[in-house]
Amino acid sequence: MNKPYRVGMVGIGLMGHGIATSLLRHQHELCFLDHPGNQPVDDLLGKGAVLKRSAREVAEASDVIILCVTGTPQVESVLFEPGGVVEGLGSSSIVIDCSTAIPSSTVKIAERVAEAGGQFLDAAMTRTPKEAAEGRLNLIVGAPDELFRDVLPLLQDFAENITHGGPVGSGHKLKLLHNYVSLGFTAVLAEAASAARHAGIADDVFLEVLGNGGGAGVVLERLRPFIAADDPSGFRFSLANTLKDVGYYNAMAKDVKAPHRVAEAIEALYREVNDQGHGDRLAPELIRILEKY
């Protein structure tokens, strides 16, 4: 077994709960921030995790603090607002940001954490809550080489595939590239599935043709249960988060002066369905929304 760490977590949502479960399974001490956005935590408390009332208290009780929150504004809030993580950092504290965030902000956040005496790395996640609970996440890490080597054993306790993308910010850059492709494919396939139904194509035939050809892949398999049986659980990702991530991708593309015309069209589609009040619905349900246009 790797050496046990005192780990503090902020964000026990669908992904964070799985990470917490994996850490406890590997005998790490765990505390976490009490927050209304958490998933039910009785199982974690029953396995020895400790509830804390502020992010500062989480940091004070931890060697490593893992942030698993929605995006850049939430990361900045939990770190720097009064009672935040930086107030409780020790001289050897490490902050691991597993959120999806704007890379230019991530670099500035790392600088502020260093000024407060801590170390910072971004470790963006892919895969689903199921793999998180199994300790089989994919992580894309932005960190100095030495820090990456130091934390790798801990990361391996809740992730299966770990890629060191480069310096701080690289994890978030690669995550946005990944999510743009994934969510872009989702938009394309949702429009195609809707058009197929309008055109009188049977769902099973549509799935067979795409699955045997150029439409095959992870995104199609995540959407397949919804196309076949109105089951959205294959892709438990809200349309609100979809809009956020594609918007972050476009912000990054602008920062680095990269072309993003297709991404702007995809963001416009997701913004439209969010403006219609569909933000809480899951990504596969975009098919049904578009079908009713």
Protein backbone atom coordinates (compact mmCIF):
# COMPACT_ATOMS: atom_id res chain seq x y z
CA MET A 1 0.00 0.00 0.00
CA ASN A 2 1.14 3.54 -0.71
CA LYS A 3 1.77 5.73 2.31
CA PRO A 4 -1.45 7.09 3.82
CA TYR A 5 -2.18 10.79 3.41
CA ARG A 6 -4.42 13.13 5.33
CA VAL A 7 -6.71 14.17 2.48
CA GLY A 8 -9.29 16.93 2.56
CA MET A 9 -11.95 17.23 -0.12
CA VAL A 10 -14.16 20.09 -1.25
CA GLY A 11 -16.93 18.85 -3.50
CA ILE A 12 -18.60 15.51 -2.77
CA GLY A 13 -20.79 15.48 -5.87
CA LEU A 14 -21.20 12.58 -8.27
CA MET A 15 -17.48 12.45 -9.11
CA GLY A 16 -16.18 13.62 -5.75
CA HIS A 17 -18.11 10.95 -3.89
CA GLY A 18 -16.44 8.29 -5.98
CA ILE A 19 -13.00 9.76 -5.34
CA ALA A 20 -13.73 9.88 -1.60
CA THR A 21 -14.85 6.24 -1.64
CA SER A 22 -11.64 5.19 -3.39
CA LEU A 23 -9.44 7.13 -0.97
CA LEU A 24 -11.08 5.50 2.04
CA ARG A 25 -10.70 2.09 0.41
CA HIS A 26 -6.94 2.75 0.26
CA GLN A 27 -6.78 3.66 3.96
CA HIS A 28 -6.22 7.40 3.62
CA GLU A 29 -7.58 9.70 6.32
CA LEU A 30 -10.37 11.80 4.85
CA CYS A 31 -12.21 14.94 5.80
CA PHE A 32 -14.53 16.98 3.59
CA LEU A 33 -16.45 20.23 3.51
CA ASP A 34 -20.08 20.13 4.55
CA HIS A 35 -22.03 21.59 1.61
CA PRO A 36 -25.62 21.37 0.36
CA GLY A 37 -24.34 20.29 -3.05
CA ASN A 38 -22.80 17.10 -1.66
CA GLN A 39 -24.24 13.70 -2.47
CA PRO A 40 -25.45 11.69 0.57
CA VAL A 41 -22.39 11.13 2.76
CA ASP A 42 -23.54 8.73 5.49
CA ASP A 43 -21.54 5.91 3.89
CA LEU A 44 -18.36 8.02 3.96
CA LEU A 45 -18.89 9.03 7.58
CA GLY A 46 -19.54 5.38 8.46
CA LYS A 47 -16.12 4.50 7.03
CA GLY A 48 -14.31 7.12 9.13
CA ALA A 49 -14.48 10.33 7.10
CA VAL A 50 -14.85 13.55 9.10
CA LEU A 51 -17.11 16.49 8.28
CA LYS A 52 -15.67 20.03 8.40
CA ARG A 53 -17.63 23.28 8.50
CA SER A 54 -15.28 25.49 6.45
CA ALA A 55 -12.72 25.10 3.68
CA ARG A 56 -10.10 26.55 6.04
CA GLU A 57 -10.77 23.71 8.51
CA VAL A 58 -10.46 21.18 5.71
CA ALA A 59 -7.03 22.58 4.78
CA GLU A 60 -5.83 22.74 8.37
CA ALA A 61 -6.57 19.03 8.82
CA SER A 62 -5.00 17.87 5.55
CA ASP A 63 -1.70 17.29 3.77
CA VAL A 64 -3.47 17.25 0.40
CA ILE A 65 -6.64 19.15 -0.52
CA ILE A 66 -8.63 17.90 -3.52
CA LEU A 67 -11.08 20.29 -5.17
CA CYS A 68 -13.86 18.64 -7.14
CA VAL A 69 -16.13 21.61 -7.90
CA THR A 70 -17.92 22.94 -10.96
CA GLY A 71 -15.51 25.42 -12.50
CA THR A 72 -13.22 28.43 -12.21
CA PRO A 73 -15.52 30.69 -10.11
CA GLN A 74 -16.09 27.93 -7.57
CA VAL A 75 -12.36 27.10 -7.38
CA GLU A 76 -11.49 30.74 -6.75
CA SER A 77 -14.26 31.06 -4.15
CA VAL A 78 -13.32 27.99 -2.12
CA LEU A 79 -9.64 28.90 -2.17
CA PHE A 80 -9.62 32.64 -1.61
CA GLU A 81 -12.82 33.85 0.02
CA PRO A 82 -12.80 34.39 3.82
CA GLY A 83 -12.62 31.03 5.54
CA GLY A 84 -11.16 29.51 2.38
CA VAL A 85 -8.51 26.89 1.80
CA VAL A 86 -5.53 29.26 1.62
CA GLU A 87 -6.18 30.41 5.19
CA GLY A 88 -5.51 26.87 6.40
CA LEU A 89 -2.57 25.85 4.20
CA GLY A 90 0.56 24.49 5.83
CA SER A 91 4.10 24.88 4.50
CA SER A 92 3.94 21.52 2.68
CA SER A 93 0.27 21.54 1.67
CA ILE A 94 -0.67 20.41 -1.83
CA VAL A 95 -3.83 21.53 -3.63
CA ILE A 96 -5.12 19.26 -6.41
CA ASP A 97 -7.77 20.86 -8.61
CA CYS A 98 -9.89 18.19 -10.32
CA SER A 99 -12.42 20.67 -11.72
CA THR A 100 -12.86 21.77 -15.33
CA ALA A 101 -11.53 25.33 -15.48
CA ILE A 102 -10.19 28.11 -17.69
CA PRO A 103 -6.42 27.43 -18.03
CA SER A 104 -5.31 31.08 -17.91
CA SER A 105 -7.07 31.40 -14.55
CA THR A 106 -5.54 28.14 -13.35
CA VAL A 107 -2.02 29.51 -13.81
CA LYS A 108 -2.91 32.62 -11.76
CA ILE A 109 -4.52 30.48 -9.06
CA ALA A 110 -1.36 28.35 -8.80
CA GLU A 111 0.71 31.50 -8.31
CA ARG A 112 -1.57 32.69 -5.49
CA VAL A 113 -1.45 29.29 -3.78
CA ALA A 114 2.37 29.35 -3.99
CA GLU A 115 2.40 32.84 -2.44
CA ALA A 116 0.37 31.39 0.45
CA GLY A 117 2.98 28.65 0.95
CA GLY A 118 1.31 25.72 -0.80
CA GLN A 119 1.80 23.79 -4.03
CA PHE A 120 -0.82 23.47 -6.76
CA LEU A 121 -1.55 21.14 -9.65
CA ASP A 122 -4.51 20.67 -11.97
CA ALA A 123 -5.69 17.08 -12.40
CA ALA A 124 -8.72 17.23 -14.66
CA MET A 125 -10.93 14.13 -14.78
CA THR A 126 -12.58 12.18 -17.55
CA ARG A 127 -14.87 9.11 -17.37
CA THR A 128 -18.02 8.85 -15.24
CA PRO A 129 -19.16 8.56 -11.60
CA LYS A 130 -19.15 4.77 -12.01
CA GLU A 131 -15.40 4.70 -12.75
CA ALA A 132 -14.81 7.27 -10.00
CA ALA A 133 -16.34 4.91 -7.43
CA GLU A 134 -14.24 2.05 -8.81
CA GLY A 135 -11.00 4.06 -8.61
CA ARG A 136 -10.69 3.98 -12.41
CA LEU A 137 -10.82 7.63 -13.43
CA ASN A 138 -8.67 9.14 -16.15
CA LEU A 139 -6.63 12.11 -14.91
CA ILE A 140 -4.88 14.74 -17.02
CA VAL A 141 -2.32 16.50 -14.85
CA GLY A 142 -0.60 19.86 -15.12
CA ALA A 143 2.27 20.06 -12.65
CA PRO A 144 6.05 20.48 -12.31
CA ASP A 145 7.85 17.17 -12.83
CA GLU A 146 8.92 16.75 -9.21
CA LEU A 147 5.48 17.51 -7.80
CA PHE A 148 3.88 15.10 -10.26
CA ARG A 149 6.25 12.33 -9.13
CA ASP A 150 5.48 13.09 -5.49
CA VAL A 151 1.70 12.88 -5.83
CA LEU A 152 1.51 10.08 -8.41
CA PRO A 153 1.07 7.29 -5.81
CA LEU A 154 -1.91 9.12 -4.32
CA LEU A 155 -3.44 9.77 -7.73
CA GLN A 156 -3.11 6.08 -8.55
CA ASP A 157 -5.39 5.29 -5.62
CA PHE A 158 -8.37 6.83 -7.40
CA ALA A 159 -7.38 6.82 -11.08
CA GLU A 160 -6.51 4.15 -13.64
CA ASN A 161 -4.98 6.20 -16.47
CA ILE A 162 -2.88 9.24 -15.53
CA THR A 163 -1.33 11.51 -18.14
CA HIS A 164 1.20 14.20 -17.23
CA GLY A 165 0.33 16.88 -19.76
CA GLY A 166 3.03 19.40 -18.82
CA PRO A 167 3.26 22.39 -16.47
CA VAL A 168 0.39 23.83 -14.43
CA GLY A 169 -2.59 24.58 -16.65
CA SER A 170 -1.85 21.76 -19.10
CA GLY A 171 -4.35 19.42 -17.47
CA HIS A 172 -7.14 21.93 -17.88
CA LYS A 173 -6.13 22.72 -21.47
CA LEU A 174 -6.23 19.05 -22.42
CA LYS A 175 -9.51 18.51 -20.55
CA LEU A 176 -11.15 21.32 -22.54
CA LEU A 177 -9.83 19.85 -25.79
CA HIS A 178 -11.20 16.46 -24.75
CA ASN A 179 -14.58 17.82 -23.66
CA TYR A 180 -14.98 19.95 -26.75
CA VAL A 181 -14.53 16.88 -28.94
CA SER A 182 -16.82 14.75 -26.73
CA LEU A 183 -19.56 17.37 -26.37
CA GLY A 184 -19.19 18.43 -29.99
CA PHE A 185 -19.78 14.83 -31.06
CA THR A 186 -22.75 14.74 -28.69
CA ALA A 187 -24.32 17.75 -30.42
CA VAL A 188 -23.70 16.27 -33.88
CA LEU A 189 -25.11 12.87 -32.95
CA ALA A 190 -28.12 14.42 -31.17
CA GLU A 191 -28.98 16.46 -34.25
CA ALA A 192 -28.50 13.41 -36.46
CA ALA A 193 -30.70 11.23 -34.23
CA SER A 194 -33.40 13.88 -34.26
CA ALA A 195 -33.16 14.25 -38.04
CA ALA A 196 -33.34 10.46 -38.44
CA ARG A 197 -36.62 10.37 -36.55
CA HIS A 198 -38.01 13.27 -38.58
CA ALA A 199 -36.98 11.37 -41.71
CA GLY A 200 -38.74 8.18 -40.61
CA ILE A 201 -35.61 6.13 -39.90
CA ALA A 202 -36.03 3.49 -37.20
CA ASP A 203 -33.82 3.98 -34.15
CA ASP A 204 -32.32 0.49 -34.31
CA VAL A 205 -31.39 0.91 -37.95
CA PHE A 206 -29.84 4.32 -37.26
CA LEU A 207 -27.76 2.83 -34.43
CA GLU A 208 -26.69 -0.14 -36.54
CA VAL A 209 -25.50 2.00 -39.45
CA LEU A 210 -23.60 4.49 -37.28
CA GLY A 211 -22.18 1.74 -35.07
CA ASN A 212 -20.82 -0.13 -38.08
CA GLY A 213 -19.36 3.01 -39.67
CA GLY A 214 -17.96 6.45 -39.03
CA GLY A 215 -20.32 7.22 -36.16
CA ALA A 216 -18.98 4.45 -33.93
CA GLY A 217 -17.24 5.39 -30.70
CA VAL A 218 -17.57 6.28 -27.05
CA VAL A 219 -20.11 9.08 -27.54
CA LEU A 220 -22.46 6.92 -29.59
CA GLU A 221 -22.33 4.22 -26.91
CA ARG A 222 -23.14 6.79 -24.23
CA LEU A 223 -26.14 8.01 -26.23
CA ARG A 224 -27.24 4.55 -27.37
CA PRO A 225 -29.40 3.76 -24.27
CA PHE A 226 -31.36 6.98 -24.75
CA ILE A 227 -31.84 6.51 -28.49
CA ALA A 228 -32.92 2.89 -27.98
CA ALA A 229 -34.93 3.16 -24.76
CA ASP A 230 -35.14 6.79 -23.51
CA ASP A 231 -32.58 5.98 -20.80
CA PRO A 232 -30.28 8.99 -20.23
CA SER A 233 -28.11 7.32 -17.57
CA GLY A 234 -25.37 6.41 -20.04
CA PHE A 235 -24.12 10.02 -19.96
CA ARG A 236 -24.86 11.62 -16.58
CA PHE A 237 -23.72 15.12 -17.52
CA SER A 238 -26.07 18.08 -17.36
CA LEU A 239 -26.75 20.42 -20.25
CA ALA A 240 -25.76 23.29 -17.94
CA ASN A 241 -22.29 21.78 -17.51
CA THR A 242 -22.15 21.09 -21.22
CA LEU A 243 -22.63 24.80 -21.95
CA LYS A 244 -20.02 25.71 -19.33
CA ASP A 245 -17.37 23.41 -20.74
CA VAL A 246 -17.84 24.41 -24.38
CA GLY A 247 -17.82 28.06 -23.26
CA TYR A 248 -14.54 27.47 -21.42
CA TYR A 249 -13.12 25.84 -24.55
CA ASN A 250 -14.01 28.90 -26.60
CA ALA A 251 -12.45 31.16 -23.97
CA MET A 252 -9.23 29.13 -24.19
CA ALA A 253 -9.29 29.16 -27.98
CA LYS A 254 -9.61 32.96 -27.94
CA ASP A 255 -6.76 33.23 -25.43
CA VAL A 256 -4.42 31.24 -27.69
CA LYS A 257 -5.82 32.76 -30.92
CA ALA A 258 -7.00 29.40 -32.30
CA PRO A 259 -9.87 29.03 -34.80
CA HIS A 260 -13.15 28.06 -33.14
CA ARG A 261 -16.01 28.72 -35.55
CA VAL A 262 -17.49 25.24 -35.15
CA ALA A 263 -17.15 25.48 -31.38
CA GLU A 264 -19.03 28.79 -31.39
CA ALA A 265 -21.93 27.16 -33.26
CA ILE A 266 -21.99 24.29 -30.77
CA GLU A 267 -21.92 26.70 -27.84
CA ALA A 268 -24.83 28.62 -29.40
CA LEU A 269 -26.88 25.41 -29.58
CA TYR A 270 -26.20 24.52 -25.95
CA ARG A 271 -26.89 28.09 -24.86
CA GLU A 272 -30.24 28.04 -26.66
CA VAL A 273 -31.44 24.88 -24.91
CA ASN A 274 -30.21 26.20 -21.55
CA ASP A 275 -32.04 29.48 -22.12
CA GLN A 276 -35.17 27.40 -22.72
CA GLY A 277 -34.84 26.00 -19.19
CA HIS A 278 -33.29 22.61 -19.96
CA GLY A 279 -30.04 23.07 -18.01
CA ASP A 280 -30.85 20.39 -15.41
CA ARG A 281 -31.54 17.74 -18.04
CA LEU A 282 -28.85 15.24 -19.01
CA ALA A 283 -26.88 15.47 -22.24
CA PRO A 284 -28.62 12.56 -24.03
CA GLU A 285 -31.95 14.33 -23.58
CA LEU A 286 -30.76 16.90 -26.14
CA ILE A 287 -32.03 14.40 -28.72
CA ARG A 288 -35.61 14.71 -27.45
CA ILE A 289 -35.34 18.50 -27.13
CA LEU A 290 -34.18 18.83 -30.73
CA GLU A 291 -36.78 16.34 -31.93
CA LYS A 292 -39.52 18.71 -30.73
CA TYR A 293 -38.15 21.74 -32.59
